């Protein structure tokens, strides 16, 4: 029943299995593309989502800019849009405050080669720059052209925005239904892994229709 499924989910969360699975698949996909397993450049962005009634007030907030009452997921991707790291905060936490923790989580593992990260204008300030410089990572702000109105594709920025769009296709991530922020993090890893596996398989999801009348009785074994 649901208890067995939840115990499975909790065990994978505790040991970081789904994150490790995605990291291995991500490195394999980059090598398949003729790139190094670890990226030297990345892109950071965030996405606020409303919280459902199961999302407690103690771990949620109101994002006035996006009119969202819930949580915010912060992601780091490579230049192809593959997820590198994710953290989750209340939606009222400013992007510049959450970015150092996001980078720290990714750079904590040995073998990281990240040297440069593209961000939007929300990721500014000396404190953020110092936190990134401590890891030898340069921050490059991609700004909109002065006077530009409406939608505009920004160099490098569109890649991470596309990844956020991919994640939003997961029904579980349209709203935050999780009681714990770390459970939301795991749901992001699951959604990213499913997307990556489909990408590597080169096929769209297909669920065969079940038609009982097509089932035939087993016949004699054939040599």
N, C-alpha and C. Protein backbone atom coordinates (compact mmCIF):
# COMPACT_ATOMS: atom_id res chain seq x y z
N UNK A 1 0.83 -1.18 0.00
CA UNK A 1 0.00 0.00 0.00
C UNK A 1 0.88 1.25 0.00
N UNK A 2 0.24 2.38 0.36
CA UNK A 2 0.95 3.65 0.32
C UNK A 2 2.14 3.67 1.26
N UNK A 3 2.06 2.94 2.38
CA UNK A 3 3.16 2.93 3.34
C UNK A 3 4.42 2.35 2.72
N UNK A 4 4.29 1.29 1.95
CA UNK A 4 5.46 0.68 1.31
C UNK A 4 6.08 1.65 0.29
N UNK A 5 5.22 2.35 -0.46
CA UNK A 5 5.72 3.32 -1.44
C UNK A 5 6.44 4.46 -0.74
N UNK A 6 5.84 4.95 0.36
CA UNK A 6 6.46 6.07 1.08
C UNK A 6 7.79 5.65 1.71
N UNK A 7 7.86 4.44 2.24
CA UNK A 7 9.11 3.96 2.83
C UNK A 7 10.20 3.86 1.76
N UNK A 8 9.82 3.43 0.57
CA UNK A 8 10.76 3.37 -0.56
C UNK A 8 11.25 4.79 -0.88
N UNK A 9 10.33 5.73 -0.98
CA UNK A 9 10.67 7.12 -1.29
C UNK A 9 11.58 7.71 -0.21
N UNK A 10 11.24 7.46 1.06
CA UNK A 10 12.03 8.01 2.16
C UNK A 10 13.44 7.43 2.19
N UNK A 11 13.56 6.15 1.88
CA UNK A 11 14.88 5.52 1.86
C UNK A 11 15.75 6.10 0.75
N UNK A 12 15.18 6.30 -0.41
CA UNK A 12 15.92 6.90 -1.53
C UNK A 12 16.30 8.34 -1.21
N UNK A 13 15.40 9.06 -0.51
CA UNK A 13 15.73 10.45 -0.13
C UNK A 13 16.88 10.48 0.85
N UNK A 14 16.85 9.62 1.85
CA UNK A 14 17.86 9.61 2.90
C UNK A 14 19.25 9.33 2.34
N UNK A 15 19.33 8.45 1.37
CA UNK A 15 20.63 8.08 0.80
C UNK A 15 20.99 8.87 -0.46
N UNK A 16 20.09 9.72 -0.93
CA UNK A 16 20.37 10.53 -2.12
C UNK A 16 20.46 9.72 -3.40
N UNK A 17 19.70 8.61 -3.47
CA UNK A 17 19.82 7.72 -4.61
C UNK A 17 19.36 8.36 -5.92
N UNK A 18 18.22 9.07 -5.91
CA UNK A 18 17.69 9.60 -7.15
C UNK A 18 18.58 10.72 -7.68
N UNK A 19 19.14 11.51 -6.78
CA UNK A 19 20.07 12.57 -7.21
C UNK A 19 21.32 11.94 -7.85
N UNK A 20 21.84 10.89 -7.22
CA UNK A 20 23.02 10.22 -7.76
C UNK A 20 22.72 9.57 -9.10
N UNK A 21 21.53 8.99 -9.24
CA UNK A 21 21.14 8.39 -10.51
C UNK A 21 21.12 9.45 -11.61
N UNK A 22 20.53 10.59 -11.30
CA UNK A 22 20.46 11.66 -12.31
C UNK A 22 21.86 12.16 -12.66
N UNK A 23 22.71 12.32 -11.66
CA UNK A 23 24.07 12.81 -11.93
C UNK A 23 24.82 11.86 -12.85
N UNK A 24 24.66 10.57 -12.63
CA UNK A 24 25.35 9.60 -13.49
C UNK A 24 24.80 9.62 -14.91
N UNK A 25 23.48 9.72 -15.03
CA UNK A 25 22.87 9.80 -16.36
C UNK A 25 23.28 11.10 -17.05
N UNK A 26 23.33 12.18 -16.29
CA UNK A 26 23.73 13.47 -16.85
C UNK A 26 25.15 13.42 -17.39
N UNK A 27 26.07 12.81 -16.64
CA UNK A 27 27.45 12.70 -17.12
C UNK A 27 27.53 11.83 -18.37
N UNK A 28 26.74 10.75 -18.39
CA UNK A 28 26.71 9.87 -19.56
C UNK A 28 26.19 10.61 -20.78
N UNK A 29 25.15 11.40 -20.61
CA UNK A 29 24.57 12.15 -21.72
C UNK A 29 25.55 13.20 -22.24
N UNK A 30 26.26 13.87 -21.36
CA UNK A 30 27.24 14.86 -21.80
C UNK A 30 28.37 14.19 -22.59
N UNK A 31 28.82 13.04 -22.14
CA UNK A 31 29.87 12.33 -22.86
C UNK A 31 29.36 11.87 -24.23
N UNK A 32 28.09 11.46 -24.29
CA UNK A 32 27.50 11.05 -25.57
C UNK A 32 27.49 12.22 -26.56
N UNK A 33 27.39 13.42 -26.04
CA UNK A 33 27.39 14.62 -26.86
C UNK A 33 28.80 15.09 -27.20
N UNK A 34 29.80 14.36 -26.72
CA UNK A 34 31.18 14.74 -26.99
C UNK A 34 31.71 15.82 -26.07
N UNK A 35 31.12 15.95 -24.90
CA UNK A 35 31.52 16.97 -23.94
C UNK A 35 32.14 16.30 -22.73
N UNK A 36 32.80 17.11 -21.89
CA UNK A 36 33.34 16.59 -20.64
C UNK A 36 32.20 16.21 -19.70
N UNK A 37 32.40 15.20 -18.86
CA UNK A 37 31.33 14.80 -17.94
C UNK A 37 30.87 15.92 -17.02
N UNK A 38 31.81 16.76 -16.58
CA UNK A 38 31.48 17.87 -15.69
C UNK A 38 31.58 19.19 -16.45
N UNK A 39 30.59 20.07 -16.29
CA UNK A 39 30.59 21.34 -17.03
C UNK A 39 31.50 22.38 -16.41
N UNK A 40 31.96 23.32 -17.24
CA UNK A 40 32.75 24.44 -16.75
C UNK A 40 31.89 25.71 -16.65
N UNK A 41 30.67 25.66 -17.19
CA UNK A 41 29.77 26.81 -17.14
C UNK A 41 28.35 26.34 -16.85
N UNK A 42 27.58 27.21 -16.20
CA UNK A 42 26.21 26.86 -15.86
C UNK A 42 25.33 28.09 -15.84
N UNK A 43 24.05 27.87 -15.56
CA UNK A 43 23.05 28.93 -15.52
C UNK A 43 22.16 28.70 -14.32
N UNK A 44 21.81 29.78 -13.62
CA UNK A 44 20.98 29.70 -12.42
C UNK A 44 19.69 30.48 -12.63
N UNK A 45 18.59 29.94 -12.13
CA UNK A 45 17.31 30.65 -12.14
C UNK A 45 16.42 30.02 -11.06
N UNK A 46 15.26 30.61 -10.84
CA UNK A 46 14.34 30.11 -9.83
C UNK A 46 12.93 30.13 -10.36
N UNK A 47 12.04 29.42 -9.66
CA UNK A 47 10.63 29.34 -10.05
C UNK A 47 9.78 29.19 -8.79
N UNK A 48 8.86 30.11 -8.60
CA UNK A 48 7.95 30.06 -7.45
C UNK A 48 6.68 29.31 -7.83
N UNK A 49 6.17 28.50 -6.90
CA UNK A 49 4.93 27.76 -7.11
C UNK A 49 4.05 27.90 -5.88
N UNK A 50 2.74 27.91 -6.09
CA UNK A 50 1.81 27.98 -4.98
C UNK A 50 1.85 26.69 -4.18
N UNK A 51 1.66 26.80 -2.89
CA UNK A 51 1.60 25.64 -2.03
C UNK A 51 0.16 25.23 -1.77
N UNK A 52 -0.08 23.94 -1.72
CA UNK A 52 -1.42 23.45 -1.41
C UNK A 52 -1.64 23.48 0.09
N UNK A 53 -2.80 23.00 0.54
CA UNK A 53 -3.11 23.02 1.97
C UNK A 53 -2.18 22.12 2.78
N UNK A 54 -1.49 21.18 2.12
CA UNK A 54 -0.57 20.30 2.83
C UNK A 54 0.81 20.91 3.01
N UNK A 55 1.06 22.06 2.39
CA UNK A 55 2.35 22.75 2.52
C UNK A 55 2.28 23.68 3.74
N UNK A 56 2.99 23.37 4.83
CA UNK A 56 2.84 24.13 6.08
C UNK A 56 3.34 25.57 5.99
N UNK A 57 2.73 26.43 6.80
CA UNK A 57 3.09 27.86 6.81
C UNK A 57 4.52 28.09 7.26
N UNK A 58 5.07 27.17 8.04
CA UNK A 58 6.43 27.34 8.56
C UNK A 58 7.50 27.26 7.49
N UNK A 59 7.19 26.68 6.32
CA UNK A 59 8.20 26.53 5.26
C UNK A 59 7.72 27.10 3.94
N UNK A 60 6.81 28.06 3.99
CA UNK A 60 6.33 28.70 2.78
C UNK A 60 6.36 30.21 2.96
N UNK A 61 6.22 30.95 1.88
CA UNK A 61 6.23 32.40 1.94
C UNK A 61 5.54 32.98 0.71
N UNK A 62 5.41 34.29 0.67
CA UNK A 62 4.71 34.94 -0.44
C UNK A 62 5.70 35.69 -1.32
N UNK A 63 5.73 35.32 -2.60
CA UNK A 63 6.56 35.99 -3.60
C UNK A 63 5.71 37.08 -4.24
N UNK A 64 5.92 38.34 -3.82
CA UNK A 64 5.12 39.43 -4.34
C UNK A 64 5.31 39.67 -5.82
N UNK A 65 6.52 39.44 -6.32
CA UNK A 65 6.78 39.66 -7.74
C UNK A 65 6.03 38.71 -8.64
N UNK A 66 5.83 37.47 -8.18
CA UNK A 66 5.13 36.46 -8.99
C UNK A 66 3.74 36.16 -8.46
N UNK A 67 3.35 36.80 -7.35
CA UNK A 67 2.04 36.57 -6.73
C UNK A 67 1.84 35.09 -6.43
N UNK A 68 2.85 34.50 -5.83
CA UNK A 68 2.81 33.08 -5.47
C UNK A 68 2.96 32.91 -3.97
N UNK A 69 2.10 32.11 -3.38
CA UNK A 69 2.17 31.82 -1.95
C UNK A 69 2.55 30.35 -1.79
N UNK A 70 3.81 30.11 -1.57
CA UNK A 70 4.27 28.73 -1.46
C UNK A 70 5.76 28.65 -1.31
N UNK A 71 6.40 27.89 -2.20
CA UNK A 71 7.84 27.70 -2.14
C UNK A 71 8.47 28.08 -3.47
N UNK A 72 9.80 28.17 -3.43
CA UNK A 72 10.56 28.52 -4.63
C UNK A 72 11.66 27.49 -4.83
N UNK A 73 11.76 26.96 -6.04
CA UNK A 73 12.85 26.03 -6.35
C UNK A 73 13.92 26.80 -7.12
N UNK A 74 15.15 26.62 -6.71
CA UNK A 74 16.31 27.26 -7.33
C UNK A 74 17.11 26.18 -8.02
N UNK A 75 17.41 26.38 -9.31
CA UNK A 75 18.11 25.33 -10.04
C UNK A 75 19.36 25.88 -10.72
N UNK A 76 20.33 24.99 -10.86
CA UNK A 76 21.56 25.23 -11.62
C UNK A 76 21.60 24.20 -12.73
N UNK A 77 21.77 24.65 -13.98
CA UNK A 77 21.85 23.74 -15.11
C UNK A 77 23.17 23.95 -15.85
N UNK A 78 23.50 22.99 -16.72
CA UNK A 78 24.63 23.22 -17.62
C UNK A 78 24.13 24.01 -18.82
N UNK A 79 24.99 24.29 -19.79
CA UNK A 79 24.59 25.13 -20.92
C UNK A 79 23.64 24.42 -21.88
N UNK A 80 23.42 23.14 -21.65
CA UNK A 80 22.44 22.41 -22.47
C UNK A 80 21.11 22.25 -21.77
N UNK A 81 21.02 22.74 -20.53
CA UNK A 81 19.78 22.65 -19.78
C UNK A 81 19.65 21.45 -18.87
N UNK A 82 20.70 20.62 -18.76
CA UNK A 82 20.65 19.47 -17.86
C UNK A 82 20.79 19.93 -16.42
N UNK A 83 19.96 19.41 -15.55
CA UNK A 83 19.95 19.82 -14.15
C UNK A 83 21.24 19.41 -13.45
N UNK A 84 21.85 20.36 -12.76
CA UNK A 84 23.06 20.09 -11.98
C UNK A 84 22.77 20.07 -10.49
N UNK A 85 21.92 20.99 -10.03
CA UNK A 85 21.62 21.07 -8.59
C UNK A 85 20.29 21.78 -8.39
N UNK A 86 19.64 21.50 -7.27
CA UNK A 86 18.38 22.14 -6.93
C UNK A 86 18.28 22.31 -5.42
N UNK A 87 17.76 23.44 -4.99
CA UNK A 87 17.42 23.67 -3.59
C UNK A 87 16.02 24.29 -3.56
N UNK A 88 15.36 24.18 -2.41
CA UNK A 88 14.00 24.70 -2.26
C UNK A 88 13.92 25.57 -1.02
N UNK A 89 13.31 26.75 -1.15
CA UNK A 89 13.15 27.69 -0.04
C UNK A 89 11.71 28.20 -0.03
N UNK A 90 11.32 28.91 1.04
CA UNK A 90 10.05 29.64 0.98
C UNK A 90 10.08 30.61 -0.20
N UNK A 91 8.93 30.90 -0.79
CA UNK A 91 8.88 31.70 -2.01
C UNK A 91 9.33 33.14 -1.79
N UNK A 92 9.36 33.61 -0.54
CA UNK A 92 9.76 35.00 -0.29
C UNK A 92 11.27 35.17 -0.13
N UNK A 93 12.04 34.11 -0.23
CA UNK A 93 13.50 34.21 -0.14
C UNK A 93 14.04 34.76 -1.46
N UNK A 94 14.81 35.83 -1.38
CA UNK A 94 15.34 36.46 -2.59
C UNK A 94 16.34 35.54 -3.28
N UNK A 95 16.37 35.61 -4.61
CA UNK A 95 17.24 34.75 -5.41
C UNK A 95 18.71 34.90 -5.01
N UNK A 96 19.14 36.12 -4.75
CA UNK A 96 20.55 36.37 -4.41
C UNK A 96 20.93 35.75 -3.07
N UNK A 97 19.95 35.54 -2.19
CA UNK A 97 20.21 34.92 -0.89
C UNK A 97 20.29 33.41 -1.00
N UNK A 98 19.56 32.84 -1.93
CA UNK A 98 19.51 31.39 -2.08
C UNK A 98 20.63 30.84 -2.97
N UNK A 99 21.16 31.68 -3.87
CA UNK A 99 22.15 31.21 -4.84
C UNK A 99 23.42 30.64 -4.21
N UNK A 100 23.99 31.27 -3.16
CA UNK A 100 25.21 30.70 -2.57
C UNK A 100 25.02 29.28 -2.05
N UNK A 101 23.87 29.00 -1.42
CA UNK A 101 23.60 27.64 -0.93
C UNK A 101 23.47 26.66 -2.09
N UNK A 102 22.86 27.10 -3.18
CA UNK A 102 22.72 26.26 -4.36
C UNK A 102 24.08 25.89 -4.91
N UNK A 103 24.95 26.89 -5.04
CA UNK A 103 26.30 26.63 -5.55
C UNK A 103 27.09 25.75 -4.59
N UNK A 104 26.96 26.00 -3.30
CA UNK A 104 27.68 25.21 -2.29
C UNK A 104 27.29 23.75 -2.37
N UNK A 105 26.00 23.48 -2.56
CA UNK A 105 25.53 22.10 -2.64
C UNK A 105 26.15 21.38 -3.83
N UNK A 106 26.30 22.09 -4.95
CA UNK A 106 26.88 21.46 -6.14
C UNK A 106 28.38 21.29 -6.02
N UNK A 107 29.06 22.32 -5.51
CA UNK A 107 30.52 22.30 -5.45
C UNK A 107 31.06 21.45 -4.30
N UNK A 108 30.18 20.96 -3.44
CA UNK A 108 30.62 20.18 -2.28
C UNK A 108 31.27 18.86 -2.69
N UNK A 109 30.90 18.35 -3.86
CA UNK A 109 31.46 17.08 -4.31
C UNK A 109 32.76 17.31 -5.07
N UNK A 110 33.71 16.41 -4.95
CA UNK A 110 35.00 16.56 -5.66
C UNK A 110 34.82 16.39 -7.17
N UNK A 111 35.74 16.98 -7.91
CA UNK A 111 35.73 16.81 -9.36
C UNK A 111 34.93 17.84 -10.12
N UNK A 112 34.37 18.84 -9.41
CA UNK A 112 33.60 19.87 -10.09
C UNK A 112 34.53 20.82 -10.84
N UNK A 113 34.12 21.23 -12.05
CA UNK A 113 34.96 22.08 -12.90
C UNK A 113 34.31 23.43 -13.19
N UNK A 114 33.26 23.75 -12.48
CA UNK A 114 32.50 24.96 -12.76
C UNK A 114 33.35 26.21 -12.55
N UNK A 115 33.36 27.08 -13.56
CA UNK A 115 34.16 28.31 -13.51
C UNK A 115 33.32 29.56 -13.75
N UNK A 116 32.16 29.41 -14.39
CA UNK A 116 31.36 30.57 -14.77
C UNK A 116 29.88 30.22 -14.68
N UNK A 117 29.09 31.18 -14.19
CA UNK A 117 27.64 30.99 -14.09
C UNK A 117 26.94 32.23 -14.62
N UNK A 118 25.98 32.03 -15.54
CA UNK A 118 25.15 33.13 -16.03
C UNK A 118 23.91 33.25 -15.17
N UNK A 119 23.52 34.48 -14.84
CA UNK A 119 22.36 34.75 -14.01
C UNK A 119 21.60 35.96 -14.57
N UNK A 120 20.41 36.23 -14.00
CA UNK A 120 19.71 37.45 -14.39
C UNK A 120 20.01 38.54 -13.37
N UNK A 121 19.36 39.69 -13.54
CA UNK A 121 19.70 40.85 -12.73
C UNK A 121 19.34 40.71 -11.25
N UNK A 122 18.57 39.68 -10.88
CA UNK A 122 18.23 39.47 -9.47
C UNK A 122 19.43 38.96 -8.67
N UNK A 123 20.40 38.39 -9.37
CA UNK A 123 21.55 37.78 -8.70
C UNK A 123 22.73 38.75 -8.69
N UNK A 124 22.60 39.80 -7.89
CA UNK A 124 23.66 40.78 -7.79
C UNK A 124 23.96 41.09 -6.33
N UNK A 125 25.08 41.74 -6.10
CA UNK A 125 25.48 42.07 -4.73
C UNK A 125 26.84 41.51 -4.40
N UNK A 126 27.56 42.22 -3.55
CA UNK A 126 28.91 41.82 -3.20
C UNK A 126 28.95 40.51 -2.42
N UNK A 127 27.96 40.30 -1.56
CA UNK A 127 27.92 39.08 -0.76
C UNK A 127 27.82 37.85 -1.65
N UNK A 128 26.96 37.93 -2.66
CA UNK A 128 26.82 36.80 -3.59
C UNK A 128 28.10 36.61 -4.39
N UNK A 129 28.68 37.71 -4.88
CA UNK A 129 29.91 37.62 -5.67
C UNK A 129 31.04 37.01 -4.86
N UNK A 130 31.14 37.38 -3.58
CA UNK A 130 32.19 36.83 -2.72
C UNK A 130 31.98 35.33 -2.49
N UNK A 131 30.72 34.93 -2.30
CA UNK A 131 30.42 33.51 -2.07
C UNK A 131 30.80 32.67 -3.28
N UNK A 132 30.55 33.19 -4.48
CA UNK A 132 30.91 32.47 -5.70
C UNK A 132 32.42 32.49 -5.91
N UNK A 133 33.06 33.63 -5.61
CA UNK A 133 34.49 33.75 -5.80
C UNK A 133 35.25 32.78 -4.90
N UNK A 134 34.68 32.45 -3.75
CA UNK A 134 35.31 31.50 -2.83
C UNK A 134 35.48 30.12 -3.48
N UNK A 135 34.66 29.83 -4.48
CA UNK A 135 34.76 28.56 -5.21
C UNK A 135 35.42 28.76 -6.57
N UNK A 136 35.92 29.97 -6.82
CA UNK A 136 36.56 30.24 -8.10
C UNK A 136 35.58 30.34 -9.25
N UNK A 137 34.33 30.71 -8.95
CA UNK A 137 33.29 30.79 -9.98
C UNK A 137 32.95 32.25 -10.26
N UNK A 138 32.98 32.62 -11.53
CA UNK A 138 32.65 33.98 -11.94
C UNK A 138 31.15 34.09 -12.24
N UNK A 139 30.54 35.21 -11.83
CA UNK A 139 29.12 35.45 -12.07
C UNK A 139 28.97 36.47 -13.20
N UNK A 140 28.22 36.11 -14.23
CA UNK A 140 27.96 37.01 -15.35
C UNK A 140 26.47 37.28 -15.42
N UNK A 141 26.08 38.55 -15.29
CA UNK A 141 24.67 38.94 -15.31
C UNK A 141 24.23 39.22 -16.74
N UNK A 142 23.19 38.53 -17.18
CA UNK A 142 22.61 38.75 -18.51
C UNK A 142 21.39 39.64 -18.31
N UNK A 143 21.47 40.88 -18.79
CA UNK A 143 20.40 41.86 -18.58
C UNK A 143 19.57 42.03 -19.84
N UNK A 144 18.33 42.44 -19.63
CA UNK A 144 17.47 42.81 -20.74
C UNK A 144 17.93 44.15 -21.32
N UNK A 145 17.72 44.36 -22.60
CA UNK A 145 18.07 45.63 -23.23
C UNK A 145 17.17 46.73 -22.67
N UNK A 146 17.73 47.86 -22.32
CA UNK A 146 16.96 48.97 -21.78
C UNK A 146 15.82 49.34 -22.72
N UNK A 147 14.64 49.46 -22.14
CA UNK A 147 13.48 49.86 -22.93
C UNK A 147 12.73 48.71 -23.56
N UNK A 148 13.26 47.48 -23.46
CA UNK A 148 12.60 46.33 -24.06
C UNK A 148 11.33 45.98 -23.28
N UNK A 149 10.24 45.76 -24.00
CA UNK A 149 8.98 45.38 -23.38
C UNK A 149 8.55 44.02 -23.88
N UNK A 150 7.79 43.33 -23.03
CA UNK A 150 7.27 42.04 -23.42
C UNK A 150 8.32 40.94 -23.40
N UNK A 151 7.98 39.79 -24.01
CA UNK A 151 8.87 38.64 -24.00
C UNK A 151 10.06 38.86 -24.93
N UNK A 152 11.22 38.43 -24.46
CA UNK A 152 12.43 38.51 -25.28
C UNK A 152 13.34 37.35 -24.91
N UNK A 153 13.85 36.64 -25.90
CA UNK A 153 14.77 35.54 -25.67
C UNK A 153 16.14 36.12 -25.32
N UNK A 154 16.65 35.77 -24.16
CA UNK A 154 17.94 36.28 -23.70
C UNK A 154 19.01 35.21 -23.86
N UNK A 155 20.17 35.63 -24.33
CA UNK A 155 21.27 34.69 -24.51
C UNK A 155 21.55 33.93 -23.22
N UNK A 156 21.71 32.64 -23.32
CA UNK A 156 21.99 31.74 -22.20
C UNK A 156 20.80 31.56 -21.26
N UNK A 157 20.05 32.62 -21.00
CA UNK A 157 18.98 32.56 -20.02
C UNK A 157 17.86 31.63 -20.47
N UNK A 158 17.60 31.56 -21.77
CA UNK A 158 16.48 30.75 -22.25
C UNK A 158 16.67 29.27 -21.94
N UNK A 159 17.93 28.85 -21.79
CA UNK A 159 18.20 27.43 -21.55
C UNK A 159 17.64 26.99 -20.20
N UNK A 160 17.94 27.74 -19.15
CA UNK A 160 17.45 27.38 -17.82
C UNK A 160 15.94 27.58 -17.73
N UNK A 161 15.40 28.57 -18.44
CA UNK A 161 13.95 28.78 -18.45
C UNK A 161 13.24 27.61 -19.13
N UNK A 162 13.87 27.03 -20.15
CA UNK A 162 13.30 25.85 -20.80
C UNK A 162 13.28 24.67 -19.83
N UNK A 163 14.34 24.52 -19.04
CA UNK A 163 14.38 23.43 -18.06
C UNK A 163 13.28 23.60 -17.02
N UNK A 164 13.06 24.82 -16.55
CA UNK A 164 11.97 25.07 -15.62
C UNK A 164 10.63 24.73 -16.26
N UNK A 165 10.50 24.98 -17.55
CA UNK A 165 9.29 24.60 -18.26
C UNK A 165 9.11 23.10 -18.31
N UNK A 166 10.22 22.38 -18.55
CA UNK A 166 10.15 20.91 -18.53
C UNK A 166 9.67 20.41 -17.17
N UNK A 167 10.22 20.97 -16.10
CA UNK A 167 9.84 20.54 -14.76
C UNK A 167 8.37 20.81 -14.48
N UNK A 168 7.87 21.93 -14.99
CA UNK A 168 6.48 22.31 -14.75
C UNK A 168 5.49 21.36 -15.40
N UNK A 169 5.96 20.57 -16.36
CA UNK A 169 5.06 19.60 -16.99
C UNK A 169 4.70 18.46 -16.04
N UNK A 170 5.48 18.30 -14.99
CA UNK A 170 5.19 17.27 -14.00
C UNK A 170 4.04 17.75 -13.12
N UNK A 171 2.96 17.00 -13.08
CA UNK A 171 1.78 17.41 -12.30
C UNK A 171 2.13 17.61 -10.83
N UNK A 172 3.06 16.83 -10.34
CA UNK A 172 3.44 16.92 -8.94
C UNK A 172 4.14 18.24 -8.63
N UNK A 173 4.67 18.91 -9.66
CA UNK A 173 5.42 20.15 -9.45
C UNK A 173 4.63 21.40 -9.85
N UNK A 174 3.41 21.22 -10.36
CA UNK A 174 2.60 22.39 -10.70
C UNK A 174 2.24 23.19 -9.46
N UNK A 175 2.01 22.49 -8.37
CA UNK A 175 1.81 23.07 -7.05
C UNK A 175 2.67 22.30 -6.07
N UNK A 176 2.95 22.91 -4.94
CA UNK A 176 3.77 22.23 -3.94
C UNK A 176 2.85 21.52 -2.95
N UNK A 177 2.83 20.19 -3.03
CA UNK A 177 1.99 19.38 -2.16
C UNK A 177 2.78 18.77 -1.01
N UNK A 178 4.07 19.06 -0.93
CA UNK A 178 4.93 18.38 0.03
C UNK A 178 4.92 19.07 1.39
N UNK A 179 4.90 18.27 2.43
CA UNK A 179 4.98 18.83 3.79
C UNK A 179 6.40 19.29 4.12
N UNK A 180 7.38 18.68 3.46
CA UNK A 180 8.77 19.01 3.75
C UNK A 180 9.47 19.52 2.50
N UNK A 181 10.28 20.59 2.63
CA UNK A 181 11.01 21.11 1.46
C UNK A 181 11.93 20.08 0.82
N UNK A 182 12.56 19.21 1.63
CA UNK A 182 13.47 18.22 1.05
C UNK A 182 12.71 17.18 0.22
N UNK A 183 11.44 16.98 0.51
CA UNK A 183 10.63 16.09 -0.33
C UNK A 183 10.35 16.75 -1.67
N UNK A 184 10.15 18.07 -1.66
CA UNK A 184 9.98 18.80 -2.92
C UNK A 184 11.25 18.68 -3.78
N UNK A 185 12.41 18.78 -3.13
CA UNK A 185 13.68 18.62 -3.85
C UNK A 185 13.72 17.26 -4.54
N UNK A 186 13.29 16.22 -3.83
CA UNK A 186 13.32 14.88 -4.42
C UNK A 186 12.37 14.78 -5.61
N UNK A 187 11.22 15.44 -5.54
CA UNK A 187 10.29 15.41 -6.66
C UNK A 187 10.88 16.10 -7.89
N UNK A 188 11.68 17.14 -7.68
CA UNK A 188 12.35 17.79 -8.80
C UNK A 188 13.35 16.82 -9.44
N UNK A 189 14.12 16.11 -8.61
CA UNK A 189 15.08 15.15 -9.15
C UNK A 189 14.37 14.03 -9.92
N UNK A 190 13.24 13.56 -9.40
CA UNK A 190 12.50 12.52 -10.11
C UNK A 190 12.01 13.03 -11.47
N UNK A 191 11.44 14.25 -11.49
CA UNK A 191 10.94 14.80 -12.74
C UNK A 191 12.07 15.00 -13.75
N UNK A 192 13.22 15.50 -13.27
CA UNK A 192 14.36 15.73 -14.15
C UNK A 192 14.91 14.41 -14.68
N UNK A 193 14.92 13.39 -13.85
CA UNK A 193 15.43 12.08 -14.28
C UNK A 193 14.54 11.46 -15.34
N UNK A 194 13.22 11.55 -15.15
CA UNK A 194 12.29 11.01 -16.14
C UNK A 194 12.47 11.72 -17.47
N UNK A 195 12.60 13.05 -17.43
CA UNK A 195 12.80 13.83 -18.66
C UNK A 195 14.10 13.44 -19.35
N UNK A 196 15.17 13.27 -18.56
CA UNK A 196 16.46 12.93 -19.12
C UNK A 196 16.46 11.53 -19.73
N UNK A 197 15.82 10.58 -19.06
CA UNK A 197 15.75 9.20 -19.59
C UNK A 197 15.02 9.18 -20.92
N UNK A 198 13.92 9.93 -21.00
CA UNK A 198 13.17 9.99 -22.26
C UNK A 198 14.01 10.64 -23.36
N UNK A 199 14.77 11.64 -22.97
CA UNK A 199 15.64 12.31 -23.94
C UNK A 199 16.71 11.36 -24.44
N UNK A 200 17.30 10.59 -23.54
CA UNK A 200 18.34 9.65 -23.93
C UNK A 200 17.78 8.51 -24.77
N UNK A 201 16.54 8.13 -24.48
CA UNK A 201 15.92 7.05 -25.24
C UNK A 201 15.47 7.53 -26.61
N UNK A 202 15.35 8.85 -26.78
CA UNK A 202 14.96 9.40 -28.07
C UNK A 202 13.55 9.11 -28.46
N UNK A 203 12.66 9.00 -27.44
CA UNK A 203 11.27 8.71 -27.77
C UNK A 203 10.35 9.41 -26.80
N UNK A 204 9.16 9.69 -27.25
CA UNK A 204 8.16 10.29 -26.41
C UNK A 204 7.46 9.20 -25.60
N UNK A 205 6.90 9.55 -24.44
CA UNK A 205 6.24 8.54 -23.63
C UNK A 205 5.04 7.92 -24.36
N UNK A 206 4.89 6.63 -24.24
CA UNK A 206 3.79 5.94 -24.90
C UNK A 206 3.26 4.87 -23.96
N UNK A 207 1.97 4.93 -23.70
CA UNK A 207 1.35 3.95 -22.81
C UNK A 207 0.42 3.09 -23.67
N UNK A 208 0.77 1.83 -23.92
CA UNK A 208 -0.05 0.97 -24.77
C UNK A 208 -1.43 0.75 -24.18
N UNK A 209 -2.41 0.75 -25.05
CA UNK A 209 -3.79 0.55 -24.61
C UNK A 209 -4.00 -0.91 -24.23
N UNK A 210 -4.67 -1.12 -23.11
CA UNK A 210 -4.91 -2.48 -22.64
C UNK A 210 -6.22 -2.98 -23.23
N UNK A 211 -6.16 -4.04 -24.04
CA UNK A 211 -7.35 -4.62 -24.64
C UNK A 211 -7.39 -6.11 -24.32
N UNK A 212 -8.20 -6.49 -23.34
CA UNK A 212 -8.24 -7.90 -22.92
C UNK A 212 -8.56 -8.87 -24.05
N UNK A 213 -9.42 -8.45 -25.04
CA UNK A 213 -9.81 -9.40 -26.08
C UNK A 213 -8.66 -9.80 -26.98
N UNK A 214 -7.53 -9.09 -26.89
CA UNK A 214 -6.37 -9.43 -27.70
C UNK A 214 -5.51 -10.50 -27.05
N UNK A 215 -5.80 -10.79 -25.78
CA UNK A 215 -4.99 -11.78 -25.08
C UNK A 215 -5.42 -13.17 -25.50
N UNK A 216 -4.48 -13.98 -25.93
CA UNK A 216 -4.78 -15.34 -26.38
C UNK A 216 -4.28 -16.33 -25.33
N UNK A 217 -4.92 -17.46 -25.29
CA UNK A 217 -4.48 -18.51 -24.37
C UNK A 217 -3.11 -19.01 -24.79
N UNK A 218 -2.26 -19.34 -23.81
CA UNK A 218 -0.92 -19.81 -24.16
C UNK A 218 -0.98 -21.11 -24.96
N UNK A 219 -0.21 -21.16 -26.03
CA UNK A 219 -0.17 -22.35 -26.86
C UNK A 219 1.06 -23.19 -26.56
N UNK A 220 1.27 -24.21 -27.32
CA UNK A 220 2.45 -25.07 -27.09
C UNK A 220 3.74 -24.32 -27.39
N UNK A 221 4.76 -24.66 -26.66
CA UNK A 221 6.05 -24.02 -26.85
C UNK A 221 6.60 -24.32 -28.22
N UNK A 222 7.24 -23.30 -28.82
CA UNK A 222 7.82 -23.48 -30.13
C UNK A 222 9.33 -23.51 -30.04
N UNK A 223 9.91 -24.39 -30.83
CA UNK A 223 11.34 -24.51 -30.82
C UNK A 223 11.99 -23.54 -31.74
